[in-house]
Amino acid sequence: MNRPLPLVKECNTDLRVSYSKGGESAADIDYLLSRVLKHDDYEAFEKLFHSNYCPLLNFSKRLVKINEVAEELVSEVFSKIWCFRKRIVISSSAKSYLYTSVRNISFDYLRKEKHSIWTNLEDAAMITSDYQDPQKQAEFKELQTKVDLAVARLPKQCRLVFQLSRNEGMKYVDIADSLCLSVKTIETQISRALKSLRLSLKNEYLQRL
C-alpha cells in the first residue's frame, strides 16, 4: 500500500540541535516505528514523521549545509521506511536507526557532490565513537579555523550569500528576496564559494582524509 508522505510542518530550525535530541522519548519512537513495520500503521507513521522530521532536518543540515537538500534527504529516508517497511530489520533503537539513516544518506550526498570540505571532520565528530578524543577535537578546531579564514577571503557578496545559506540555514529564494537578487545569482554565488573553498582547503583536506 503506497501512501504519500505527511505534509511537512514548519520547523524552527536550529543548526545546533544535537544528535541526542528528538521530538519524543526513545520509547515513544520505538513504539511508533514498531507499529509502522509490524502493523502497517500509517497513523503511527504520521506521528513518527512529525515528531522527528525537524530534528532530523537540522541534523542533516549540519552535514550538507543546504536546507533544500536536507529536506529532500530526510523526506527520502521516511519515504523508504514506509515503502520498504516489510523488509526493514532494526537491531538498534528506532531513534538510532533514524539518525544513522539520515547520516548515511547525507554522507552519500556529500561524497557525490564533493561538498564535504568543512563537514567531513568537524560535523562527523558528533556522530563518531571517538568524538571526545582531545587530539581529534583539536584537529577539528584547527580545520574549522582554516575554513573560517577561507570564507573570510571570499568576495563580499559571495561571502554574505554563503554565510546566509550555511550559518542561517536560509533557502535560496529567501536569500534572493532579502538581497534583491535572482535565485540564479544566489546559486552562482554559492557555486563560486564552494569552488573557492575547495581550492583553498584542498591540501589540508586531503592530508586529513
Protein backbone atom coordinates (compact mmCIF):
# COMPACT_ATOMS: atom_id res chain seq x y z
CA MET A 1 0.00 0.00 0.00
CA ASN A 2 1.63 3.20 -1.17
CA ARG A 3 0.79 6.34 0.75
CA PRO A 4 2.17 9.86 0.38
CA LEU A 5 4.45 11.42 2.95
CA PRO A 6 2.60 13.50 5.57
CA LEU A 7 2.62 17.23 4.98
CA VAL A 8 5.69 18.85 6.46
CA LYS A 9 5.02 21.22 9.31
CA GLU A 10 7.13 24.36 9.57
CA CYS A 11 10.33 23.84 11.52
CA ASN A 12 12.01 26.30 13.81
CA THR A 13 15.46 25.39 12.60
CA ASP A 14 18.40 25.38 14.96
CA LEU A 15 21.72 24.35 13.47
CA ARG A 16 22.98 23.42 16.91
CA VAL A 17 20.42 20.67 17.50
CA SER A 18 22.47 17.67 18.59
CA TYR A 19 22.38 14.02 17.71
CA SER A 20 20.77 13.11 21.02
CA LYS A 21 17.79 15.45 20.83
CA GLY A 22 14.43 14.49 19.37
CA GLY A 23 10.72 15.26 19.43
CA GLU A 24 9.62 12.32 21.61
CA SER A 25 11.15 9.87 24.04
CA ALA A 26 13.14 6.93 22.73
CA ALA A 27 10.42 4.57 23.95
CA ASP A 28 7.75 6.51 22.04
CA ILE A 29 9.83 6.40 18.85
CA ASP A 30 10.46 2.67 19.29
CA TYR A 31 6.74 2.07 19.67
CA LEU A 32 5.75 4.18 16.67
CA LEU A 33 8.30 2.59 14.35
CA SER A 34 7.31 -0.85 15.57
CA ARG A 35 3.68 -0.08 14.69
CA VAL A 36 4.76 1.01 11.22
CA LEU A 37 6.92 -2.02 10.49
CA LYS A 38 4.74 -4.71 12.04
CA HIS A 39 1.22 -3.40 11.54
CA ASP A 40 1.33 -1.06 8.51
CA ASP A 41 0.04 1.65 10.83
CA TYR A 42 0.01 4.83 8.76
CA GLU A 43 -1.25 6.94 11.66
CA ALA A 44 1.82 5.86 13.65
CA PHE A 45 3.95 6.71 10.61
CA GLU A 46 2.50 10.24 10.53
CA LYS A 47 3.27 10.70 14.22
CA LEU A 48 6.78 9.32 13.74
CA PHE A 49 7.30 11.70 10.82
CA HIS A 50 6.03 14.84 12.54
CA SER A 51 7.82 14.24 15.84
CA ASN A 52 11.20 13.55 14.22
CA TYR A 53 11.27 15.45 10.93
CA CYS A 54 12.55 18.78 12.29
CA PRO A 55 15.39 17.43 14.48
CA LEU A 56 16.44 15.10 11.66
CA LEU A 57 16.33 18.01 9.22
CA ASN A 58 18.57 20.07 11.48
CA PHE A 59 20.92 17.12 11.85
CA SER A 60 21.19 16.60 8.09
CA LYS A 61 21.62 20.33 7.51
CA ARG A 62 24.65 20.37 9.81
CA LEU A 63 26.21 17.96 7.35
CA VAL A 64 25.09 19.09 3.90
CA LYS A 65 24.77 22.81 4.77
CA ILE A 66 21.93 23.32 2.28
CA ASN A 67 18.38 23.41 3.65
CA GLU A 68 16.67 22.26 0.46
CA VAL A 69 19.00 19.27 0.14
CA ALA A 70 18.47 18.30 3.79
CA GLU A 71 14.71 18.45 3.28
CA GLU A 72 14.94 16.08 0.32
CA LEU A 73 17.25 13.66 2.10
CA VAL A 74 15.15 13.40 5.26
CA SER A 75 11.98 13.01 3.21
CA GLU A 76 13.66 10.23 1.25
CA VAL A 77 14.54 8.41 4.47
CA PHE A 78 10.92 8.48 5.63
CA SER A 79 9.65 7.52 2.19
CA LYS A 80 11.92 4.46 2.18
CA ILE A 81 10.80 3.50 5.67
CA TRP A 82 7.17 3.40 4.55
CA CYS A 83 7.80 1.81 1.15
CA PHE A 84 10.15 -0.90 2.47
CA ARG A 85 8.64 -1.36 5.93
CA LYS A 86 8.14 -5.10 5.36
CA ARG A 87 11.87 -5.59 4.70
CA ILE A 88 13.37 -3.40 7.42
CA VAL A 89 15.01 -5.18 10.34
CA ILE A 90 16.25 -2.97 13.19
CA SER A 91 18.89 -4.20 15.62
CA SER A 92 19.29 -0.90 17.49
CA SER A 93 16.88 1.67 18.87
CA ALA A 94 14.45 3.32 16.46
CA LYS A 95 15.99 6.72 17.18
CA SER A 96 19.47 5.45 16.41
CA TYR A 97 18.13 3.89 13.21
CA LEU A 98 16.60 7.19 12.08
CA TYR A 99 19.72 9.26 12.75
CA THR A 100 22.02 6.65 11.25
CA SER A 101 19.86 6.55 8.12
CA VAL A 102 19.94 10.33 7.80
CA ARG A 103 23.68 10.40 8.48
CA ASN A 104 24.36 7.79 5.81
CA ILE A 105 22.22 9.40 3.13
CA SER A 106 23.74 12.81 3.94
CA PHE A 107 27.28 11.47 3.66
CA ASP A 108 26.35 9.71 0.40
CA TYR A 109 25.22 13.08 -0.93
CA LEU A 110 28.43 14.76 0.22
CA ARG A 111 30.59 12.13 -1.42
CA LYS A 112 28.71 12.51 -4.70
CA GLU A 113 28.64 16.29 -4.67
CA LYS A 114 32.08 16.78 -3.11
CA HIS A 115 30.74 19.39 -0.70
CA SER A 116 32.30 17.85 2.39
CA ILE A 117 35.25 20.22 2.89
CA TRP A 118 34.14 21.64 6.20
CA THR A 119 31.76 18.84 7.27
CA ASN A 120 33.82 15.69 6.90
CA LEU A 121 35.81 16.31 10.07
CA GLU A 122 34.03 18.92 12.14
CA ASP A 123 30.46 17.68 11.91
CA ALA A 124 31.25 13.99 11.74
CA ALA A 125 32.67 14.36 15.24
CA MET A 126 29.24 14.43 16.82
CA ILE A 127 28.32 11.00 15.50
CA THR A 128 31.57 9.08 15.65
CA SER A 129 32.52 6.95 18.63
CA ASP A 130 35.79 8.83 19.27
CA TYR A 131 34.39 12.36 19.21
CA GLN A 132 35.63 13.03 22.74
CA ASP A 133 39.26 12.39 21.78
CA PRO A 134 41.09 15.65 22.73
CA GLN A 135 43.50 15.30 19.82
CA LYS A 136 40.68 14.97 17.30
CA GLN A 137 38.85 17.88 18.90
CA ALA A 138 41.97 19.99 18.42
CA GLU A 139 42.22 18.87 14.79
CA PHE A 140 38.57 19.73 14.17
CA LYS A 141 39.04 23.16 15.77
CA GLU A 142 42.16 23.81 13.69
CA LEU A 143 40.41 22.87 10.45
CA GLN A 144 37.35 24.97 11.34
CA THR A 145 39.64 27.97 11.87
CA LYS A 146 41.11 27.47 8.40
CA VAL A 147 37.62 27.10 6.92
CA ASP A 148 36.58 30.38 8.57
CA LEU A 149 39.66 32.13 7.20
CA ALA A 150 38.93 30.76 3.71
CA VAL A 151 35.35 32.03 3.96
CA ALA A 152 36.60 35.43 5.11
CA ARG A 153 38.68 35.70 1.92
CA LEU A 154 35.65 35.27 -0.34
CA PRO A 155 34.39 38.37 -2.22
CA LYS A 156 31.96 40.37 -0.08
CA GLN A 157 28.71 39.39 -1.83
CA CYS A 158 29.81 35.80 -2.30
CA ARG A 159 30.72 35.56 1.40
CA LEU A 160 27.41 37.06 2.51
CA VAL A 161 25.35 34.70 0.37
CA PHE A 162 27.36 31.69 1.53
CA GLN A 163 27.04 32.63 5.22
CA LEU A 164 23.30 33.19 4.95
CA SER A 165 22.94 29.73 3.44
CA ARG A 166 25.40 27.93 5.70
CA ASN A 167 25.05 29.72 9.05
CA GLU A 168 21.46 30.93 8.94
CA GLY A 169 20.02 27.99 7.01
CA MET A 170 18.15 30.30 4.65
CA LYS A 171 16.65 28.96 1.44
CA TYR A 172 17.99 30.30 -1.83
CA VAL A 173 14.70 32.05 -2.62
CA ASP A 174 14.72 33.80 0.79
CA ILE A 175 18.32 34.93 0.34
CA ALA A 176 17.44 36.24 -3.12
CA ASP A 177 14.48 38.20 -1.72
CA SER A 178 16.46 39.68 1.16
CA LEU A 179 19.32 40.82 -1.09
CA CYS A 180 17.14 41.80 -4.08
CA LEU A 181 18.93 39.30 -6.31
CA SER A 182 17.72 36.48 -8.54
CA VAL A 183 17.73 32.88 -7.34
CA LYS A 184 20.08 32.11 -10.24
CA THR A 185 22.55 34.67 -8.91
CA ILE A 186 22.38 33.06 -5.46
CA GLU A 187 23.06 29.63 -6.97
CA THR A 188 26.02 31.06 -8.88
CA GLN A 189 27.47 32.72 -5.77
CA ILE A 190 27.15 29.51 -3.73
CA SER A 191 28.82 27.56 -6.52
CA ARG A 192 31.70 30.06 -6.64
CA ALA A 193 32.08 29.93 -2.86
CA LEU A 194 32.26 26.13 -2.86
CA LYS A 195 34.79 26.11 -5.69
CA SER A 196 36.96 28.68 -3.93
CA LEU A 197 36.84 26.78 -0.64
CA ARG A 198 37.72 23.51 -2.34
CA LEU A 199 40.79 25.15 -3.86
CA SER A 200 41.80 26.93 -0.64
CA LEU A 201 41.46 23.84 1.53
CA LYS A 202 42.46 21.15 -0.94
CA ASN A 203 45.83 20.33 0.59
CA GLU A 204 44.60 20.49 4.17
CA TYR A 205 41.56 18.38 3.37
CA LEU A 206 43.49 15.68 1.51
CA GLN A 207 46.03 15.38 4.31
CA ARG A 208 43.28 14.59 6.80
CA LEU A 209 41.24 12.06 4.82
